[in-house]
Amino acid sequence: MASGNFGFGAGQQISTDGSGGLWLPMPGALSQLSYIVHYATGKLAKATLPVAATNVYINSIARIPGTPDQLAGGFEHATDNDGENVVAVILEYS
């Protein structure tokens, strides 16, 4: 078991990394930081988001079959207002 303070994360998708580890989206809400974290060998590590973590909500993740790469889906929004200027995002992690 590993723990950390990485956003809400409850009820979100979990994806295998193909090597015994897991990827977990940890969405922030109400201007809290969002993260994608990787769990392997008993440790959690944050992956860097390519946009400001308080402006993105990531709630799904899946491994691209036959690769270790991941696709994460969610949306980007206005600062301090997750219902304004909403744009869908797909992030790829290698």
PDB file of N, CA and C in Angstrom:
ATOM      1  N   MET A   1       0.839  -1.171   0.000  1.00  0.00           N
ATOM      2  CA  MET A   1       0.000   0.000   0.000  1.00  0.00           C
ATOM      3  C   MET A   1       0.891   1.243   0.000  1.00  0.00           C
ATOM      4  N   ALA A   2       0.451   2.241  -0.756  1.00  0.00           N
ATOM      5  CA  ALA A   2       1.149   3.525  -0.791  1.00  0.00           C
ATOM      6  C   ALA A   2       0.103   4.609  -0.665  1.00  0.00           C
ATOM      7  N   SER A   3       0.478   5.757  -0.121  1.00  0.00           N
ATOM      8  CA  SER A   3      -0.490   6.839   0.006  1.00  0.00           C
ATOM      9  C   SER A   3       0.180   8.163  -0.281  1.00  0.00           C
ATOM     10  N   GLY A   4      -0.656   9.148  -0.591  1.00  0.00           N
ATOM     11  CA  GLY A   4      -0.163  10.485  -0.865  1.00  0.00           C
ATOM     12  C   GLY A   4      -1.345  11.422  -1.019  1.00  0.00           C
ATOM     13  N   ASN A   5      -1.103  12.701  -0.989  1.00  0.00           N
ATOM     14  CA  ASN A   5      -2.154  13.692  -1.141  1.00  0.00           C
ATOM     15  C   ASN A   5      -2.167  14.153  -2.594  1.00  0.00           C
ATOM     16  N   PHE A   6      -2.986  13.483  -3.422  1.00  0.00           N
ATOM     17  CA  PHE A   6      -3.005  13.716  -4.861  1.00  0.00           C
ATOM     18  C   PHE A   6      -4.424  13.976  -5.353  1.00  0.00           C
ATOM     19  N   GLY A   7      -5.118  14.988  -4.886  1.00  0.00           N
ATOM     20  CA  GLY A   7      -6.456  15.311  -5.381  1.00  0.00           C
ATOM     21  C   GLY A   7      -7.508  14.359  -4.856  1.00  0.00           C
ATOM     22  N   PHE A   8      -8.670  14.354  -5.529  1.00  0.00           N
ATOM     23  CA  PHE A   8      -9.795  13.540  -5.076  1.00  0.00           C
ATOM     24  C   PHE A   8      -9.596  12.071  -5.401  1.00  0.00           C
ATOM     25  N   GLY A   9      -9.561  11.722  -6.673  1.00  0.00           N
ATOM     26  CA  GLY A   9      -9.237  10.373  -7.104  1.00  0.00           C
ATOM     27  C   GLY A   9     -10.256   9.292  -6.807  1.00  0.00           C
ATOM     28  N   ALA A  10     -11.268   9.539  -6.030  1.00  0.00           N
ATOM     29  CA  ALA A  10     -12.218   8.492  -5.658  1.00  0.00           C
ATOM     30  C   ALA A  10     -13.053   8.068  -6.855  1.00  0.00           C
ATOM     31  N   GLY A  11     -13.129   6.766  -7.086  1.00  0.00           N
ATOM     32  CA  GLY A  11     -13.979   6.235  -8.131  1.00  0.00           C
ATOM     33  C   GLY A  11     -13.462   6.441  -9.543  1.00  0.00           C
ATOM     34  N   GLN A  12     -12.212   6.801  -9.694  1.00  0.00           N
ATOM     35  CA  GLN A  12     -11.659   7.041 -11.016  1.00  0.00           C
ATOM     36  C   GLN A  12     -11.141   5.736 -11.617  1.00  0.00           C
ATOM     37  N   GLN A  13     -10.907   5.767 -12.914  1.00  0.00           N
ATOM     38  CA  GLN A  13     -10.342   4.617 -13.597  1.00  0.00           C
ATOM     39  C   GLN A  13      -8.902   4.399 -13.173  1.00  0.00           C
ATOM     40  N   ILE A  14      -8.472   3.153 -13.269  1.00  0.00           N
ATOM     41  CA  ILE A  14      -7.089   2.771 -13.019  1.00  0.00           C
ATOM     42  C   ILE A  14      -6.636   1.984 -14.239  1.00  0.00           C
ATOM     43  N   SER A  15      -5.388   2.181 -14.657  1.00  0.00           N
ATOM     44  CA  SER A  15      -4.881   1.508 -15.843  1.00  0.00           C
ATOM     45  C   SER A  15      -3.560   0.824 -15.516  1.00  0.00           C
ATOM     46  N   THR A  16      -3.378  -0.371 -16.043  1.00  0.00           N
ATOM     47  CA  THR A  16      -2.101  -1.067 -15.889  1.00  0.00           C
ATOM     48  C   THR A  16      -1.041  -0.412 -16.764  1.00  0.00           C
ATOM     49  N   ASP A  17       0.204  -0.474 -16.313  1.00  0.00           N
ATOM     50  CA  ASP A  17       1.293   0.059 -17.141  1.00  0.00           C
ATOM     51  C   ASP A  17       1.941  -1.039 -17.983  1.00  0.00           C
ATOM     52  N   GLY A  18       1.443  -2.270 -17.863  1.00  0.00           N
ATOM     53  CA  GLY A  18       1.980  -3.390 -18.617  1.00  0.00           C
ATOM     54  C   GLY A  18       3.195  -4.035 -17.978  1.00  0.00           C
ATOM     55  N   SER A  19       3.654  -3.485 -16.847  1.00  0.00           N
ATOM     56  CA  SER A  19       4.840  -4.017 -16.167  1.00  0.00           C
ATOM     57  C   SER A  19       4.608  -4.237 -14.678  1.00  0.00           C
ATOM     58  N   GLY A  20       3.353  -4.402 -14.277  1.00  0.00           N
ATOM     59  CA  GLY A  20       3.044  -4.638 -12.868  1.00  0.00           C
ATOM     60  C   GLY A  20       2.697  -3.390 -12.083  1.00  0.00           C
ATOM     61  N   GLY A  21       2.727  -2.229 -12.710  1.00  0.00           N
ATOM     62  CA  GLY A  21       2.368  -0.982 -12.039  1.00  0.00           C
ATOM     63  C   GLY A  21       1.012  -0.485 -12.517  1.00  0.00           C
ATOM     64  N   LEU A  22       0.574   0.619 -11.940  1.00  0.00           N
ATOM     65  CA  LEU A  22      -0.729   1.195 -12.265  1.00  0.00           C
ATOM     66  C   LEU A  22      -0.624   2.698 -12.483  1.00  0.00           C
ATOM     67  N   TRP A  23      -1.472   3.227 -13.346  1.00  0.00           N
ATOM     68  CA  TRP A  23      -1.648   4.668 -13.526  1.00  0.00           C
ATOM     69  C   TRP A  23      -3.015   5.040 -12.974  1.00  0.00           C
ATOM     70  N   LEU A  24      -3.085   6.160 -12.224  1.00  0.00           N
ATOM     71  CA  LEU A  24      -4.334   6.616 -11.618  1.00  0.00           C
ATOM     72  C   LEU A  24      -4.511   8.113 -11.863  1.00  0.00           C
ATOM     73  N   PRO A  25      -5.655   8.527 -12.409  1.00  0.00           N
ATOM     74  CA  PRO A  25      -5.931   9.957 -12.500  1.00  0.00           C
ATOM     75  C   PRO A  25      -6.443  10.448 -11.150  1.00  0.00           C
ATOM     76  N   MET A  26      -5.968  11.576 -10.706  1.00  0.00           N
ATOM     77  CA  MET A  26      -6.393  12.176  -9.446  1.00  0.00           C
ATOM     78  C   MET A  26      -6.882  13.594  -9.741  1.00  0.00           C
ATOM     79  N   PRO A  27      -8.154  13.718 -10.134  1.00  0.00           N
ATOM     80  CA  PRO A  27      -8.662  15.030 -10.533  1.00  0.00           C
ATOM     81  C   PRO A  27      -8.845  15.970  -9.352  1.00  0.00           C
ATOM     82  N   GLY A  28      -8.496  17.205  -9.557  1.00  0.00           N
ATOM     83  CA  GLY A  28      -8.771  18.244  -8.577  1.00  0.00           C
ATOM     84  C   GLY A  28     -10.085  18.914  -8.951  1.00  0.00           C
ATOM     85  N   ALA A  29     -10.748  19.470  -8.017  1.00  0.00           N
ATOM     86  CA  ALA A  29     -11.985  20.215  -8.284  1.00  0.00           C
ATOM     87  C   ALA A  29     -11.958  21.473  -7.440  1.00  0.00           C
ATOM     88  N   LEU A  30     -12.717  22.443  -7.845  1.00  0.00           N
ATOM     89  CA  LEU A  30     -12.798  23.708  -7.111  1.00  0.00           C
ATOM     90  C   LEU A  30     -11.412  24.308  -6.916  1.00  0.00           C
ATOM     91  N   SER A  31     -10.641  24.355  -7.998  1.00  0.00           N
ATOM     92  CA  SER A  31      -9.295  24.949  -8.037  1.00  0.00           C
ATOM     93  C   SER A  31      -8.236  24.167  -7.282  1.00  0.00           C
ATOM     94  N   GLN A  32      -8.508  22.915  -6.930  1.00  0.00           N
ATOM     95  CA  GLN A  32      -7.466  22.079  -6.348  1.00  0.00           C
ATOM     96  C   GLN A  32      -6.622  21.489  -7.463  1.00  0.00           C
ATOM     97  N   LEU A  33      -5.401  21.110  -7.173  1.00  0.00           N
ATOM     98  CA  LEU A  33      -4.503  20.555  -8.175  1.00  0.00           C
ATOM     99  C   LEU A  33      -4.964  19.187  -8.650  1.00  0.00           C
ATOM    100  N   SER A  34      -4.781  18.918  -9.941  1.00  0.00           N
ATOM    101  CA  SER A  34      -5.022  17.604 -10.524  1.00  0.00           C
ATOM    102  C   SER A  34      -3.681  16.932 -10.768  1.00  0.00           C
ATOM    103  N   TYR A  35      -3.679  15.615 -10.715  1.00  0.00           N
ATOM    104  CA  TYR A  35      -2.469  14.837 -10.938  1.00  0.00           C
ATOM    105  C   TYR A  35      -2.807  13.578 -11.709  1.00  0.00           C
ATOM    106  N   ILE A  36      -1.823  13.010 -12.332  1.00  0.00           N
ATOM    107  CA  ILE A  36      -1.848  11.620 -12.754  1.00  0.00           C
ATOM    108  C   ILE A  36      -0.684  10.996 -12.016  1.00  0.00           C
ATOM    109  N   VAL A  37      -0.941   9.903 -11.317  1.00  0.00           N
ATOM    110  CA  VAL A  37       0.115   9.275 -10.535  1.00  0.00           C
ATOM    111  C   VAL A  37       0.382   7.863 -11.039  1.00  0.00           C
ATOM    112  N   HIS A  38       1.616   7.444 -10.874  1.00  0.00           N
ATOM    113  CA  HIS A  38       2.033   6.104 -11.255  1.00  0.00           C
ATOM    114  C   HIS A  38       2.404   5.354  -9.983  1.00  0.00           C
ATOM    115  N   TYR A  39       1.851   4.153  -9.836  1.00  0.00           N
ATOM    116  CA  TYR A  39       2.162   3.293  -8.699  1.00  0.00           C
ATOM    117  C   TYR A  39       3.003   2.123  -9.204  1.00  0.00           C
ATOM    118  N   ALA A  40       4.164   1.941  -8.621  1.00  0.00           N
ATOM    119  CA  ALA A  40       5.023   0.793  -8.948  1.00  0.00           C
ATOM    120  C   ALA A  40       5.945   0.532  -7.766  1.00  0.00           C
ATOM    121  N   THR A  41       6.203  -0.709  -7.516  1.00  0.00           N
ATOM    122  CA  THR A  41       7.092  -1.168  -6.437  1.00  0.00           C
ATOM    123  C   THR A  41       6.802  -0.487  -5.099  1.00  0.00           C
ATOM    124  N   GLY A  42       5.515  -0.318  -4.788  1.00  0.00           N
ATOM    125  CA  GLY A  42       5.120   0.236  -3.497  1.00  0.00           C
ATOM    126  C   GLY A  42       5.233   1.747  -3.373  1.00  0.00           C
ATOM    127  N   LYS A  43       5.485   2.441  -4.477  1.00  0.00           N
ATOM    128  CA  LYS A  43       5.652   3.900  -4.422  1.00  0.00           C
ATOM    129  C   LYS A  43       4.727   4.594  -5.413  1.00  0.00           C
ATOM    130  N   LEU A  44       4.275   5.795  -5.038  1.00  0.00           N
ATOM    131  CA  LEU A  44       3.492   6.657  -5.921  1.00  0.00           C
ATOM    132  C   LEU A  44       4.369   7.803  -6.404  1.00  0.00           C
ATOM    133  N   ALA A  45       4.286   8.099  -7.689  1.00  0.00           N
ATOM    134  CA  ALA A  45       5.026   9.228  -8.256  1.00  0.00           C
ATOM    135  C   ALA A  45       4.091  10.016  -9.170  1.00  0.00           C
ATOM    136  N   LYS A  46       4.142  11.357  -9.086  1.00  0.00           N
ATOM    137  CA  LYS A  46       3.309  12.199  -9.937  1.00  0.00           C
ATOM    138  C   LYS A  46       3.922  12.334 -11.315  1.00  0.00           C
ATOM    139  N   ALA A  47       3.034  12.351 -12.308  1.00  0.00           N
ATOM    140  CA  ALA A  47       3.437  12.678 -13.675  1.00  0.00           C
ATOM    141  C   ALA A  47       3.104  14.146 -13.903  1.00  0.00           C
ATOM    142  N   THR A  48       3.942  14.827 -14.636  1.00  0.00           N
ATOM    143  CA  THR A  48       3.722  16.237 -14.910  1.00  0.00           C
ATOM    144  C   THR A  48       2.625  16.407 -15.958  1.00  0.00           C
ATOM    145  N   LEU A  49       1.662  17.269 -15.687  1.00  0.00           N
ATOM    146  CA  LEU A  49       0.633  17.595 -16.667  1.00  0.00           C
ATOM    147  C   LEU A  49       1.154  18.689 -17.595  1.00  0.00           C
ATOM    148  N   PRO A  50       0.785  18.647 -18.881  1.00  0.00           N
ATOM    149  CA  PRO A  50       1.282  19.652 -19.822  1.00  0.00           C
ATOM    150  C   PRO A  50       0.539  20.988 -19.751  1.00  0.00           C
ATOM    151  N   VAL A  51      -0.454  21.094 -18.885  1.00  0.00           N
ATOM    152  CA  VAL A  51      -1.194  22.341 -18.678  1.00  0.00           C
ATOM    153  C   VAL A  51      -1.244  22.610 -17.184  1.00  0.00           C
ATOM    154  N   ALA A  52      -1.661  23.803 -16.793  1.00  0.00           N
ATOM    155  CA  ALA A  52      -1.740  24.144 -15.369  1.00  0.00           C
ATOM    156  C   ALA A  52      -2.659  23.157 -14.650  1.00  0.00           C
ATOM    157  N   ALA A  53      -2.175  22.544 -13.588  1.00  0.00           N
ATOM    158  CA  ALA A  53      -2.912  21.488 -12.887  1.00  0.00           C
ATOM    159  C   ALA A  53      -4.215  21.973 -12.264  1.00  0.00           C
ATOM    160  N   THR A  54      -4.370  23.269 -12.025  1.00  0.00           N
ATOM    161  CA  THR A  54      -5.638  23.763 -11.474  1.00  0.00           C
ATOM    162  C   THR A  54      -6.642  24.050 -12.575  1.00  0.00           C
ATOM    163  N   ASN A  55      -6.234  23.923 -13.847  1.00  0.00           N
ATOM    164  CA  ASN A  55      -7.125  24.204 -14.970  1.00  0.00           C
ATOM    165  C   ASN A  55      -7.531  22.952 -15.738  1.00  0.00           C
ATOM    166  N   VAL A  56      -7.215  21.795 -15.228  1.00  0.00           N
ATOM    167  CA  VAL A  56      -7.528  20.558 -15.941  1.00  0.00           C
ATOM    168  C   VAL A  56      -8.139  19.536 -14.983  1.00  0.00           C
ATOM    169  N   TYR A  57      -9.081  18.772 -15.507  1.00  0.00           N
ATOM    170  CA  TYR A  57      -9.740  17.723 -14.737  1.00  0.00           C
ATOM    171  C   TYR A  57      -9.591  16.440 -15.555  1.00  0.00           C
ATOM    172  N   ILE A  58      -8.812  15.493 -15.084  1.00  0.00           N
ATOM    173  CA  ILE A  58      -8.580  14.223 -15.778  1.00  0.00           C
ATOM    174  C   ILE A  58      -9.290  13.134 -14.992  1.00  0.00           C
ATOM    175  N   ASN A  59     -10.209  12.423 -15.673  1.00  0.00           N
ATOM    176  CA  ASN A  59     -10.959  11.406 -14.930  1.00  0.00           C
ATOM    177  C   ASN A  59     -10.945  10.033 -15.579  1.00  0.00           C
ATOM    178  N   SER A  60     -10.172   9.853 -16.648  1.00  0.00           N
ATOM    179  CA  SER A  60     -10.074   8.516 -17.229  1.00  0.00           C
ATOM    180  C   SER A  60      -8.672   8.296 -17.782  1.00  0.00           C
ATOM    181  N   ILE A  61      -8.269   7.033 -17.813  1.00  0.00           N
ATOM    182  CA  ILE A  61      -6.947   6.686 -18.325  1.00  0.00           C
ATOM    183  C   ILE A  61      -6.990   5.247 -18.821  1.00  0.00           C
ATOM    184  N   ALA A  62      -6.249   4.974 -19.898  1.00  0.00           N
ATOM    185  CA  ALA A  62      -6.199   3.623 -20.450  1.00  0.00           C
ATOM    186  C   ALA A  62      -4.876   3.419 -21.166  1.00  0.00           C
ATOM    187  N   ARG A  63      -4.373   2.179 -21.114  1.00  0.00           N
ATOM    188  CA  ARG A  63      -3.133   1.844 -21.796  1.00  0.00           C
ATOM    189  C   ARG A  63      -3.415   1.602 -23.270  1.00  0.00           C
ATOM    190  N   ILE A  64      -2.532   2.081 -24.128  1.00  0.00           N
ATOM    191  CA  ILE A  64      -2.625   1.805 -25.559  1.00  0.00           C
ATOM    192  C   ILE A  64      -2.150   0.367 -25.747  1.00  0.00           C
ATOM    193  N   PRO A  65      -3.004  -0.510 -26.256  1.00  0.00           N
ATOM    194  CA  PRO A  65      -2.645  -1.931 -26.356  1.00  0.00           C
ATOM    195  C   PRO A  65      -1.307  -2.159 -27.057  1.00  0.00           C
ATOM    196  N   GLY A  66      -0.523  -3.086 -26.505  1.00  0.00           N
ATOM    197  CA  GLY A  66       0.759  -3.449 -27.077  1.00  0.00           C
ATOM    198  C   GLY A  66       1.887  -2.477 -26.767  1.00  0.00           C
ATOM    199  N   THR A  67       1.606  -1.447 -25.962  1.00  0.00           N
ATOM    200  CA  THR A  67       2.621  -0.448 -25.603  1.00  0.00           C
ATOM    201  C   THR A  67       2.515  -0.154 -24.110  1.00  0.00           C
ATOM    202  N   PRO A  68       3.508   0.510 -23.535  1.00  0.00           N
ATOM    203  CA  PRO A  68       3.382   0.997 -22.162  1.00  0.00           C
ATOM    204  C   PRO A  68       2.736   2.386 -22.101  1.00  0.00           C
ATOM    205  N   ASP A  69       2.431   2.974 -23.259  1.00  0.00           N
ATOM    206  CA  ASP A  69       1.881   4.335 -23.325  1.00  0.00           C
ATOM    207  C   ASP A  69       0.444   4.388 -22.818  1.00  0.00           C
ATOM    208  N   GLN A  70       0.091   5.536 -22.268  1.00  0.00           N
ATOM    209  CA  GLN A  70      -1.236   5.761 -21.695  1.00  0.00           C
ATOM    210  C   GLN A  70      -1.923   6.936 -22.383  1.00  0.00           C
ATOM    211  N   LEU A  71      -3.247   6.855 -22.513  1.00  0.00           N
ATOM    212  CA  LEU A  71      -4.063   7.988 -22.928  1.00  0.00           C
ATOM    213  C   LEU A  71      -4.954   8.356 -21.755  1.00  0.00           C
ATOM    214  N   ALA A  72      -4.965   9.632 -21.412  1.00  0.00           N
ATOM    215  CA  ALA A  72      -5.815  10.132 -20.324  1.00  0.00           C
ATOM    216  C   ALA A  72      -6.788  11.137 -20.915  1.00  0.00           C
ATOM    217  N   GLY A  73      -8.026  11.118 -20.444  1.00  0.00           N
ATOM    218  CA  GLY A  73      -9.046  12.025 -20.965  1.00  0.00           C
ATOM    219  C   GLY A  73      -9.676  12.857 -19.877  1.00  0.00           C
ATOM    220  N   GLY A  74     -10.106  14.043 -20.243  1.00  0.00           N
ATOM    221  CA  GLY A  74     -10.776  14.940 -19.313  1.00  0.00           C
ATOM    222  C   GLY A  74     -11.070  16.254 -19.990  1.00  0.00           C
ATOM    223  N   PHE A  75     -10.955  17.345 -19.240  1.00  0.00           N
ATOM    224  CA  PHE A  75     -11.208  18.661 -19.825  1.00  0.00           C
ATOM    225  C   PHE A  75     -10.383  19.735 -19.150  1.00  0.00           C
ATOM    226  N   GLU A  76     -10.106  20.780 -19.928  1.00  0.00           N
ATOM    227  CA  GLU A  76      -9.447  21.987 -19.423  1.00  0.00           C
ATOM    228  C   GLU A  76     -10.530  23.036 -19.238  1.00  0.00           C
ATOM    229  N   HIS A  77     -10.350  23.935 -18.271  1.00  0.00           N
ATOM    230  CA  HIS A  77     -11.374  24.932 -17.966  1.00  0.00           C
ATOM    231  C   HIS A  77     -10.735  26.228 -17.494  1.00  0.00           C
ATOM    232  N   ALA A  78     -11.561  27.251 -17.349  1.00  0.00           N
ATOM    233  CA  ALA A  78     -11.077  28.548 -16.870  1.00  0.00           C
ATOM    234  C   ALA A  78     -10.566  28.426 -15.433  1.00  0.00           C
ATOM    235  N   THR A  79      -9.586  29.234 -15.079  1.00  0.00           N
ATOM    236  CA  THR A  79      -9.063  29.250 -13.721  1.00  0.00           C
ATOM    237  C   THR A  79     -10.182  29.615 -12.748  1.00  0.00           C
ATOM    238  N   ASP A  80     -10.296  28.836 -11.674  1.00  0.00           N
ATOM    239  CA  ASP A  80     -11.282  29.050 -10.604  1.00  0.00           C
ATOM    240  C   ASP A  80     -12.728  28.890 -11.052  1.00  0.00           C
ATOM    241  N   ASN A  81     -12.978  28.304 -12.250  1.00  0.00           N
ATOM    242  CA  ASN A  81     -14.349  28.063 -12.687  1.00  0.00           C
ATOM    243  C   ASN A  81     -14.344  26.865 -13.626  1.00  0.00           C
ATOM    244  N   ASP A  82     -14.637  25.662 -13.083  1.00  0.00           N
ATOM    245  CA  ASP A  82     -14.558  24.463 -13.914  1.00  0.00           C
ATOM    246  C   ASP A  82     -15.735  24.299 -14.864  1.00  0.00           C
ATOM    247  N   GLY A  83     -16.638  25.297 -14.925  1.00  0.00           N
ATOM    248  CA  GLY A  83     -17.751  25.268 -15.866  1.00  0.00           C
ATOM    249  C   GLY A  83     -17.632  26.299 -16.970  1.00  0.00           C
ATOM    250  N   GLU A  84     -16.515  27.007 -17.026  1.00  0.00           N
ATOM    251  CA  GLU A  84     -16.333  28.076 -18.019  1.00  0.00           C
ATOM    252  C   GLU A  84     -15.160  27.756 -18.937  1.00  0.00           C
ATOM    253  N   ASN A  85     -15.303  28.083 -20.223  1.00  0.00           N
ATOM    254  CA  ASN A  85     -14.253  27.845 -21.233  1.00  0.00           C
ATOM    255  C   ASN A  85     -13.797  26.386 -21.242  1.00  0.00           C
ATOM    256  N   VAL A  86     -14.738  25.465 -21.209  1.00  0.00           N
ATOM    257  CA  VAL A  86     -14.433  24.032 -21.145  1.00  0.00           C
ATOM    258  C   VAL A  86     -14.009  23.518 -22.530  1.00  0.00           C
ATOM    259  N   VAL A  87     -12.878  22.817 -22.550  1.00  0.00           N
ATOM    260  CA  VAL A  87     -12.340  22.222 -23.767  1.00  0.00           C
ATOM    261  C   VAL A  87     -11.883  20.801 -23.419  1.00  0.00           C
ATOM    262  N   ALA A  88     -12.298  19.823 -24.225  1.00  0.00           N
ATOM    263  CA  ALA A  88     -11.880  18.440 -23.994  1.00  0.00           C
ATOM    264  C   ALA A  88     -10.372  18.308 -24.200  1.00  0.00           C
ATOM    265  N   VAL A  89      -9.735  17.423 -23.421  1.00  0.00           N
ATOM    266  CA  VAL A  89      -8.312  17.154 -23.586  1.00  0.00           C
ATOM    267  C   VAL A  89      -8.067  15.645 -23.578  1.00  0.00           C
ATOM    268  N   ILE A  90      -7.090  15.246 -24.367  1.00  0.00           N
ATOM    269  CA  ILE A  90      -6.559  13.887 -24.339  1.00  0.00           C
ATOM    270  C   ILE A  90      -5.055  14.038 -24.183  1.00  0.00           C
ATOM    271  N   LEU A  91      -4.504  13.414 -23.165  1.00  0.00           N
ATOM    272  CA  LEU A  91      -3.077  13.491 -22.871  1.00  0.00           C
ATOM    273  C   LEU A  91      -2.454  12.124 -23.123  1.00  0.00           C
ATOM    274  N   GLU A  92      -1.249  12.102 -23.682  1.00  0.00           N
ATOM    275  CA  GLU A  92      -0.541  10.850 -23.902  1.00  0.00           C
ATOM    276  C   GLU A  92       0.717  10.836 -23.041  1.00  0.00           C
ATOM    277  N   TYR A  93       0.922   9.708 -22.364  1.00  0.00           N
ATOM    278  CA  TYR A  93       2.096   9.518 -21.518  1.00  0.00           C
ATOM    279  C   TYR A  93       2.871   8.320 -22.015  1.00  0.00           C
ATOM    280  N   SER A  94       4.179   8.457 -22.107  1.00  0.00           N
ATOM    281  CA  SER A  94       5.036   7.364 -22.557  1.00  0.00           C
ATOM    282  C   SER A  94       5.905   6.898 -21.415  1.00  0.00           C
TER     283      SER A  94
END
